[in-house]
Amino acid sequence: MWKFILITFSNLAQVFLFVTGLLYLLLSFRGFWQLKKPARAQLRRRFALLLPAHNEEGVVGLAVESLAGLKYPRELFEIFVAADHCTDGTARAAAAAGARVLEHAGPGLKAGKGRALKWATEKILAAGIFDALCYFDADSLAHPGFLEAMNAHLAAGAEALQGRQLAKNTGCLLAKILAAGHIVSNRFFQLPKAALGLSATLHGKGMCFTAAIAGKFHWDETCLTEDLEMQMRLIRHGVRIHWAQDAVVYDEEPETLRQYLCRTIRWTRGSLDTARRHLPGLAARALRRGDLRAFEGALYSAQTYRFAIVSLGAALVWFSRDSFNLVVWLYGALPGMEHTMKALSLVPLLLYPAAALVIERASPGLAAAYFLQPLLGILRLPVFVAGVLRGTDFWGRTEHTSRVAIADLVE
């Protein structure tokens, strides 16, 4: 009886991994064609730009300066920095760069990015003068055309948007590897989903919501990945997140292994928490309403457990090697399957990344660095275990040290 259960679970795990991998592979084909940009809007909306910051004195000034330099009528946007329980000169640096500082501190207020976002968003919306809110991180930079692009997408009917994320620092090998990953993901994940009417993935910076959406869906105060939690909650309520390819935001990548591990463990813990909250609801909506966005959202959310499923599935395949196993059967029974499966493995692992890096004109250094990604794969087991063991109160703040200005990236 137990062996039958284990064999059944093993084959279900194989089906899940095979089907999800195949679906995302087929989806990615659309990445070879560009998106059509919305027409420039005649009516310009009024924007609030919000940056939450906790002890970011070294980088927040550069972030605010990039926003202050946006090519959009200055009277139609205002920059806010939510100084979240800061003990350094973050508030002074932000104010000196031209931001309006909102001090998130004092009795009854707890530190945390989600809490700071919710608190500051409510204060900004209370003024009743903004049509939309854009969210950034204190270490991020915005391309000068960011607001003009977002305004055009809002005019075309979008209510929630994610801009195209690129890396601002590529000076070390680790940052190069991660920067190249953004290029490949943008081309063969975000772009195809946008073109086929699915929801984009939120990244915490470069996001834009209409005032109505921002007022209706409050930021979660406890989740460690408040952007992913918001993404799944919007999809569950039928709100599509559009991808604004022409609204570029630059993010700081970790430059040390310590920074990378701290950030990745936090993301893993938050992703597990988000999947626990929203995966059943996404699956239910997909089944009840035939909602393809909810279906893809459920698949994406389930990827959080992918490492555990792969590891357990491999162990069960070995344990039940004398019984029926789907992958083993496909590999050995169907004509030409051996070569087909090898080709399917090479496409996402080798050919697609190479194509994306060539199409996007990545530098030779970035292109070479991408193929060192397997080195980071060695860390997946300890990161997943650490994410499982950490509680939801673990923040694990990443130290931001890159002093890149927008003038260093855009002429």
Protein backbone atom coordinates (compact mmCIF):
# COMPACT_ATOMS: atom_id res chain seq x y z
CA MET A 1 0.00 0.00 0.00
CA TRP A 2 2.72 2.47 0.98
CA LYS A 3 4.72 1.61 -2.11
CA PHE A 4 1.67 2.25 -4.31
CA ILE A 5 1.20 5.68 -2.66
CA LEU A 6 4.86 6.55 -3.16
CA ILE A 7 4.80 5.47 -6.80
CA THR A 8 1.64 7.51 -7.40
CA PHE A 9 3.16 10.59 -5.76
CA SER A 10 6.37 10.12 -7.75
CA ASN A 11 4.49 10.10 -11.05
CA LEU A 12 2.35 13.07 -10.05
CA ALA A 13 5.51 15.02 -9.26
CA GLN A 14 6.95 14.04 -12.64
CA VAL A 15 3.76 15.14 -14.42
CA PHE A 16 3.80 18.49 -12.60
CA LEU A 17 7.43 19.18 -13.45
CA PHE A 18 7.07 18.03 -17.07
CA VAL A 19 3.84 19.91 -17.79
CA THR A 20 4.85 23.19 -16.12
CA GLY A 21 8.24 23.11 -17.83
CA LEU A 22 6.63 22.45 -21.21
CA LEU A 23 3.98 25.15 -20.74
CA TYR A 24 6.52 27.84 -19.85
CA LEU A 25 8.73 26.70 -22.74
CA LEU A 26 5.84 27.04 -25.21
CA LEU A 27 4.87 30.36 -23.65
CA SER A 28 8.38 31.71 -24.07
CA PHE A 29 8.32 31.35 -27.90
CA ARG A 30 6.40 34.64 -28.04
CA GLY A 31 9.50 36.38 -26.73
CA PHE A 32 11.05 36.46 -30.18
CA TRP A 33 8.62 39.23 -31.23
CA GLN A 34 8.44 42.67 -29.68
CA LEU A 35 5.41 44.27 -28.02
CA LYS A 36 3.54 47.16 -29.52
CA LYS A 37 3.94 50.29 -27.42
CA PRO A 38 0.84 52.27 -26.49
CA ALA A 39 0.46 55.67 -28.14
CA ARG A 40 1.68 58.68 -26.21
CA ALA A 41 -1.18 60.05 -24.12
CA GLN A 42 -2.37 63.63 -24.50
CA LEU A 43 -3.82 63.74 -20.99
CA ARG A 44 -1.11 63.68 -18.37
CA ARG A 45 -1.96 62.19 -15.00
CA ARG A 46 -0.69 63.31 -11.63
CA PHE A 47 1.66 60.81 -9.94
CA ALA A 48 2.91 60.20 -6.41
CA LEU A 49 6.30 58.45 -6.35
CA LEU A 50 6.94 56.57 -3.13
CA LEU A 51 10.20 55.09 -1.79
CA PRO A 52 10.25 53.23 1.54
CA ALA A 53 13.69 53.47 3.16
CA HIS A 54 15.23 52.04 6.32
CA ASN A 55 18.75 53.37 7.02
CA GLU A 56 19.54 54.03 3.34
CA GLU A 57 21.52 57.24 3.75
CA GLY A 58 24.15 56.13 1.24
CA VAL A 59 21.84 55.49 -1.74
CA VAL A 60 18.49 57.24 -1.20
CA GLY A 61 19.78 60.58 -2.49
CA LEU A 62 20.73 59.03 -5.83
CA ALA A 63 17.32 57.35 -6.07
CA VAL A 64 15.48 60.63 -5.43
CA GLU A 65 17.71 62.49 -7.89
CA SER A 66 16.81 60.01 -10.64
CA LEU A 67 13.10 60.59 -9.97
CA ALA A 68 13.50 64.35 -9.83
CA GLY A 69 15.06 64.18 -13.30
CA LEU A 70 12.16 62.38 -14.96
CA LYS A 71 11.11 63.92 -18.28
CA TYR A 72 7.58 64.68 -17.18
CA PRO A 73 6.01 67.99 -16.09
CA ARG A 74 7.45 68.59 -12.62
CA GLU A 75 4.20 69.99 -11.27
CA LEU A 76 2.47 66.68 -12.07
CA PHE A 77 4.49 64.42 -9.78
CA GLU A 78 5.69 64.51 -6.20
CA ILE A 79 8.37 62.36 -4.59
CA PHE A 80 7.76 60.85 -1.15
CA VAL A 81 10.25 58.94 1.01
CA ALA A 82 8.83 56.91 3.88
CA ALA A 83 11.73 57.01 6.36
CA ASP A 84 11.00 53.78 8.23
CA HIS A 85 12.44 53.90 11.76
CA CYS A 86 15.72 55.31 10.46
CA THR A 87 18.63 55.88 12.82
CA ASP A 88 20.96 57.46 10.26
CA GLY A 89 20.75 60.42 7.88
CA THR A 90 18.25 58.90 5.45
CA ALA A 91 15.64 61.62 6.03
CA ARG A 92 18.17 64.43 5.57
CA ALA A 93 19.62 62.90 2.41
CA ALA A 94 16.16 62.39 0.90
CA ALA A 95 15.01 65.91 1.73
CA ALA A 96 18.23 67.42 0.36
CA ALA A 97 17.65 65.59 -2.95
CA GLY A 98 14.12 67.03 -3.25
CA ALA A 99 11.79 64.49 -1.64
CA ARG A 100 9.02 65.05 0.82
CA VAL A 101 9.89 62.91 3.83
CA LEU A 102 7.23 60.99 5.75
CA GLU A 103 8.61 59.81 9.10
CA HIS A 104 7.32 56.31 9.85
CA ALA A 105 8.28 56.01 13.50
CA GLY A 106 6.89 56.46 16.98
CA PRO A 107 4.43 54.72 19.33
CA GLY A 108 2.13 52.25 17.63
CA LEU A 109 4.19 52.07 14.45
CA LYS A 110 6.30 49.00 13.72
CA ALA A 111 9.17 48.84 11.27
CA GLY A 112 8.78 46.80 8.08
CA LYS A 113 8.58 47.55 4.37
CA GLY A 114 4.98 46.35 4.00
CA ARG A 115 3.87 48.40 7.01
CA ALA A 116 5.69 51.50 5.77
CA LEU A 117 4.15 51.13 2.30
CA LYS A 118 0.63 50.71 3.65
CA TRP A 119 0.98 53.63 6.09
CA ALA A 120 2.51 56.00 3.54
CA THR A 121 0.09 55.02 0.75
CA GLU A 122 -2.89 55.81 2.97
CA LYS A 123 -1.45 59.22 3.86
CA ILE A 124 -0.76 60.05 0.21
CA LEU A 125 -4.19 58.94 -1.00
CA ALA A 126 -5.86 60.98 1.74
CA ALA A 127 -4.81 64.13 -0.12
CA GLY A 128 -7.06 63.09 -3.00
CA ILE A 129 -4.93 64.79 -5.67
CA PHE A 130 -3.07 61.90 -7.30
CA ASP A 131 -4.29 59.73 -10.16
CA ALA A 132 -1.69 57.00 -9.67
CA LEU A 133 1.11 55.88 -7.37
CA CYS A 134 4.50 54.53 -8.45
CA TYR A 135 6.66 52.53 -6.07
CA PHE A 136 10.45 52.30 -5.97
CA ASP A 137 13.15 51.06 -3.61
CA ALA A 138 15.71 53.34 -2.02
CA ASP A 139 18.47 51.65 -4.04
CA SER A 140 16.64 51.82 -7.40
CA LEU A 141 16.89 54.34 -10.24
CA ALA A 142 14.30 55.27 -12.86
CA HIS A 143 14.93 55.94 -16.55
CA PRO A 144 14.03 59.53 -17.53
CA GLY A 145 11.14 58.29 -19.69
CA PHE A 146 9.58 56.17 -16.94
CA LEU A 147 6.54 58.35 -16.13
CA GLU A 148 5.78 59.23 -19.74
CA ALA A 149 5.63 55.52 -20.53
CA MET A 150 3.47 54.72 -17.49
CA ASN A 151 1.10 57.54 -18.37
CA ALA A 152 0.62 56.06 -21.86
CA HIS A 153 -0.15 52.61 -20.45
CA LEU A 154 -2.67 54.05 -17.98
CA ALA A 155 -4.34 55.92 -20.83
CA ALA A 156 -4.60 52.60 -22.70
CA GLY A 157 -6.60 51.15 -19.80
CA ALA A 158 -4.04 49.53 -17.48
CA GLU A 159 -4.71 49.73 -13.74
CA ALA A 160 -1.64 47.91 -12.39
CA LEU A 161 1.77 47.92 -14.04
CA GLN A 162 5.31 46.65 -13.63
CA GLY A 163 8.18 48.36 -15.43
CA ARG A 164 11.10 46.56 -17.05
CA GLN A 165 13.78 45.87 -14.45
CA LEU A 166 17.48 45.99 -15.28
CA ALA A 167 20.58 46.00 -13.11
CA LYS A 168 22.33 49.27 -12.30
CA ASN A 169 25.60 47.71 -11.12
CA THR A 170 27.56 45.11 -13.10
CA GLY A 171 31.05 45.62 -11.70
CA CYS A 172 31.58 42.18 -10.19
CA LEU A 173 30.95 38.63 -11.36
CA LEU A 174 27.96 37.96 -9.09
CA ALA A 175 26.21 41.16 -10.18
CA LYS A 176 26.91 40.30 -13.84
CA ILE A 177 25.34 36.86 -13.45
CA LEU A 178 22.19 38.33 -11.89
CA ALA A 179 22.04 41.22 -14.39
CA ALA A 180 22.14 38.80 -17.31
CA GLY A 181 19.34 36.82 -15.67
CA HIS A 182 17.11 39.92 -15.74
CA ILE A 183 17.69 40.32 -19.48
CA VAL A 184 16.71 36.71 -20.21
CA SER A 185 13.69 36.85 -17.89
CA ASN A 186 12.43 40.09 -19.42
CA ARG A 187 12.65 38.70 -22.93
CA PHE A 188 11.31 35.17 -22.49
CA PHE A 189 9.09 35.46 -19.42
CA GLN A 190 7.69 38.95 -18.89
CA LEU A 191 7.30 39.85 -22.57
CA PRO A 192 5.46 36.65 -23.60
CA LYS A 193 3.10 36.86 -20.64
CA ALA A 194 2.31 40.49 -21.49
CA ALA A 195 1.72 39.69 -25.16
CA LEU A 196 -0.61 36.78 -24.35
CA GLY A 197 -2.73 38.67 -21.83
CA LEU A 198 -1.32 37.13 -18.64
CA SER A 199 -0.18 39.07 -15.57
CA ALA A 200 3.35 40.34 -15.17
CA THR A 201 5.50 39.59 -12.13
CA LEU A 202 5.84 42.43 -9.62
CA HIS A 203 9.38 43.26 -8.51
CA GLY A 204 8.90 45.79 -5.71
CA LYS A 205 10.28 48.70 -7.71
CA GLY A 206 9.02 50.22 -10.95
CA MET A 207 5.42 49.39 -10.06
CA CYS A 208 2.50 51.68 -10.85
CA PHE A 209 -1.10 51.40 -9.58
CA THR A 210 -4.04 53.68 -10.18
CA ALA A 211 -5.26 55.46 -7.07
CA ALA A 212 -8.35 53.25 -7.11
CA ILE A 213 -6.28 50.04 -7.08
CA ALA A 214 -3.85 51.38 -4.47
CA GLY A 215 -6.75 52.37 -2.24
CA LYS A 216 -8.60 49.08 -2.60
CA PHE A 217 -5.67 46.68 -2.20
CA HIS A 218 -3.54 47.56 0.82
CA TRP A 219 0.03 46.36 1.23
CA ASP A 220 0.43 43.36 3.48
CA GLU A 221 2.17 44.24 6.74
CA THR A 222 3.64 40.83 7.55
CA CYS A 223 4.78 39.12 4.34
CA LEU A 224 8.52 39.28 3.59
CA THR A 225 7.79 39.51 -0.15
CA GLU A 226 5.05 42.13 -0.15
CA ASP A 227 5.36 42.58 -3.93
CA LEU A 228 4.74 38.88 -4.66
CA GLU A 229 1.88 38.80 -2.15
CA MET A 230 0.30 41.83 -3.85
CA GLN A 231 0.78 40.21 -7.25
CA MET A 232 -1.10 37.07 -6.25
CA ARG A 233 -3.82 39.02 -4.46
CA LEU A 234 -4.47 41.18 -7.53
CA ILE A 235 -4.65 38.13 -9.78
CA ARG A 236 -7.05 36.41 -7.37
CA HIS A 237 -9.35 39.43 -7.63
CA GLY A 238 -9.25 39.56 -11.41
CA VAL A 239 -6.88 42.54 -11.77
CA ARG A 240 -4.38 42.11 -14.59
CA ILE A 241 -0.84 43.37 -14.01
CA HIS A 242 0.45 44.83 -17.27
CA TRP A 243 4.13 44.87 -18.21
CA ALA A 244 5.47 48.27 -19.29
CA GLN A 245 8.54 47.32 -21.29
CA ASP A 246 9.34 50.94 -22.08
CA ALA A 247 9.22 52.06 -18.41
CA VAL A 248 12.69 51.04 -17.23
CA VAL A 249 13.80 50.80 -13.60
CA TYR A 250 17.32 49.93 -12.47
CA ASP A 251 17.88 47.80 -9.37
CA GLU A 252 20.98 47.16 -7.29
CA GLU A 253 22.26 43.59 -7.45
CA PRO A 254 24.16 41.93 -4.58
CA GLU A 255 27.93 42.18 -4.92
CA THR A 256 28.88 39.77 -2.15
CA LEU A 257 27.78 36.23 -1.41
CA ARG A 258 26.53 37.37 2.00
CA GLN A 259 24.23 39.96 0.42
CA TYR A 260 22.95 37.43 -2.11
CA LEU A 261 22.21 34.77 0.49
CA CYS A 262 20.49 37.23 2.82
CA ARG A 263 18.21 38.46 0.04
CA THR A 264 17.49 35.03 -1.41
CA ILE A 265 16.65 33.47 1.95
CA ARG A 266 14.21 36.31 2.64
CA TRP A 267 12.61 35.86 -0.78
CA THR A 268 12.31 32.11 -0.25
CA ARG A 269 10.64 32.56 3.15
CA GLY A 270 8.26 35.16 1.74
CA SER A 271 7.47 33.06 -1.34
CA LEU A 272 6.60 30.06 0.81
CA ASP A 273 4.30 32.22 2.91
CA THR A 274 2.65 33.71 -0.19
CA ALA A 275 2.09 30.27 -1.74
CA ARG A 276 0.49 29.06 1.47
CA ARG A 277 -1.91 32.01 1.43
CA HIS A 278 -2.82 32.24 -2.23
CA LEU A 279 -2.13 28.99 -4.11
CA PRO A 280 -5.44 27.34 -3.15
CA GLY A 281 -7.43 30.47 -4.00
CA LEU A 282 -5.68 30.90 -7.35
CA ALA A 283 -6.31 27.28 -8.27
CA ALA A 284 -9.96 27.56 -7.22
CA ARG A 285 -10.49 30.70 -9.31
CA ALA A 286 -8.81 29.07 -12.32
CA LEU A 287 -11.11 26.03 -12.07
CA ARG A 288 -14.34 27.89 -11.31
CA ARG A 289 -13.99 30.67 -13.86
CA GLY A 290 -11.59 29.25 -16.41
CA ASP A 291 -9.30 32.16 -15.56
CA LEU A 292 -5.99 31.64 -17.40
CA ARG A 293 -4.27 34.38 -15.42
CA ALA A 294 -5.21 32.68 -12.18
CA PHE A 295 -4.03 29.36 -13.62
CA GLU A 296 -0.63 30.79 -14.53
CA GLY A 297 -0.49 32.58 -11.18
CA ALA A 298 -1.07 29.25 -9.43
CA LEU A 299 1.68 27.60 -11.49
CA TYR A 300 4.06 30.44 -10.73
CA SER A 301 3.23 30.31 -7.04
CA ALA A 302 3.75 26.55 -7.00
CA GLN A 303 7.29 27.03 -8.33
CA THR A 304 8.21 27.92 -4.75
CA TYR A 305 8.03 24.20 -3.99
CA ARG A 306 9.85 23.20 -7.17
CA PHE A 307 13.17 22.42 -5.50
CA ALA A 308 11.48 20.25 -2.89
CA ILE A 309 9.41 18.49 -5.57
CA VAL A 310 12.46 17.85 -7.77
CA SER A 311 14.51 16.51 -4.87
CA LEU A 312 11.75 14.31 -3.49
CA GLY A 313 10.69 13.20 -6.96
CA ALA A 314 14.24 12.14 -7.85
CA ALA A 315 14.50 10.16 -4.63
CA LEU A 316 11.17 8.45 -5.29
CA VAL A 317 12.15 7.62 -8.87
CA TRP A 318 15.20 5.83 -7.54
CA PHE A 319 13.14 4.11 -4.82
CA SER A 320 10.53 2.92 -7.31
CA ARG A 321 12.95 2.28 -10.19
CA ASP A 322 11.52 -1.21 -10.71
CA SER A 323 7.97 0.18 -11.08
CA PHE A 324 6.33 2.46 -13.63
CA ASN A 325 7.84 5.96 -13.87
CA LEU A 326 6.53 8.43 -16.42
CA VAL A 327 9.82 10.10 -17.33
CA VAL A 328 11.68 6.81 -17.56
CA TRP A 329 8.89 5.39 -19.74
CA LEU A 330 8.83 8.44 -22.04
CA TYR A 331 12.58 8.36 -22.34
CA GLY A 332 12.77 4.70 -23.27
CA ALA A 333 9.47 3.81 -24.95
CA LEU A 334 8.63 6.61 -27.40
CA PRO A 335 10.60 6.81 -30.68
CA GLY A 336 13.09 9.66 -30.75
CA MET A 337 12.24 10.77 -27.20
CA GLU A 338 15.86 10.58 -26.07
CA HIS A 339 16.90 13.25 -28.57
CA THR A 340 13.70 15.25 -28.06
CA MET A 341 14.19 15.49 -24.31
CA LYS A 342 17.81 16.50 -24.75
CA ALA A 343 16.74 19.23 -27.18
CA LEU A 344 14.03 20.45 -24.81
CA SER A 345 16.66 20.73 -22.09
CA LEU A 346 19.09 22.66 -24.29
CA VAL A 347 16.53 25.24 -25.46
CA PRO A 348 15.83 26.93 -22.08
CA LEU A 349 19.27 26.26 -20.64
CA LEU A 350 21.45 27.32 -23.57
CA LEU A 351 19.76 28.50 -26.75
CA TYR A 352 17.20 30.87 -25.21
CA PRO A 353 19.65 32.71 -22.95
CA ALA A 354 22.05 33.08 -25.86
CA ALA A 355 19.26 34.42 -28.11
CA ALA A 356 18.02 36.89 -25.49
CA LEU A 357 21.49 38.23 -24.79
CA VAL A 358 22.15 38.71 -28.52
CA ILE A 359 18.75 40.31 -29.23
CA GLU A 360 19.10 42.69 -26.28
CA ARG A 361 22.71 43.48 -27.27
CA ALA A 362 24.18 42.50 -23.94
CA SER A 363 27.89 43.03 -23.50
CA PRO A 364 30.19 40.01 -23.96
CA GLY A 365 30.95 40.11 -20.23
CA LEU A 366 27.26 39.80 -19.30
CA ALA A 367 26.69 37.08 -21.88
CA ALA A 368 29.58 35.01 -20.53
CA ALA A 369 28.53 35.56 -16.93
CA TYR A 370 25.02 34.20 -17.51
CA PHE A 371 26.34 30.72 -18.20
CA LEU A 372 27.91 30.65 -14.74
CA GLN A 373 24.40 30.50 -13.23
CA PRO A 374 24.85 26.80 -12.30
CA LEU A 375 27.36 27.98 -9.69
CA LEU A 376 24.49 29.67 -7.84
CA GLY A 377 22.45 26.49 -8.16
CA ILE A 378 24.74 24.87 -5.61
CA LEU A 379 23.21 27.20 -3.02
CA ARG A 380 19.59 26.21 -3.66
CA LEU A 381 19.41 23.48 -1.05
CA PRO A 382 20.79 25.52 1.89
CA VAL A 383 18.75 28.55 0.80
CA PHE A 384 15.52 26.52 0.62
CA VAL A 385 16.17 24.90 4.01
CA ALA A 386 16.99 28.28 5.56
CA GLY A 387 13.82 29.74 4.05
CA VAL A 388 11.72 26.94 5.51
CA LEU A 389 13.26 27.34 8.96
CA ARG A 390 13.02 31.12 9.12
CA GLY A 391 9.92 32.75 10.59
CA THR A 392 7.89 35.45 8.91
CA ASP A 393 9.38 38.01 11.28
CA PHE A 394 12.82 37.50 9.71
CA TRP A 395 13.64 40.51 7.54
CA GLY A 396 17.32 40.00 6.73
CA ARG A 397 17.93 43.48 5.36
CA THR A 398 20.34 43.60 2.41
CA GLU A 399 23.09 46.19 2.68
CA HIS A 400 23.06 48.56 -0.30
CA THR A 401 26.47 49.90 -1.23
CA SER A 402 26.43 50.70 -4.96
CA ARG A 403 26.88 54.42 -5.67
CA VAL A 404 25.68 54.37 -9.26
CA ALA A 405 23.78 57.46 -10.45
CA ILE A 406 21.28 57.62 -13.31
CA ALA A 407 23.78 59.74 -15.26
CA ASP A 408 26.14 56.74 -15.24
CA LEU A 409 23.53 54.62 -17.05
CA VAL A 410 21.68 57.00 -19.37
CA GLU A 411 23.22 59.64 -21.59
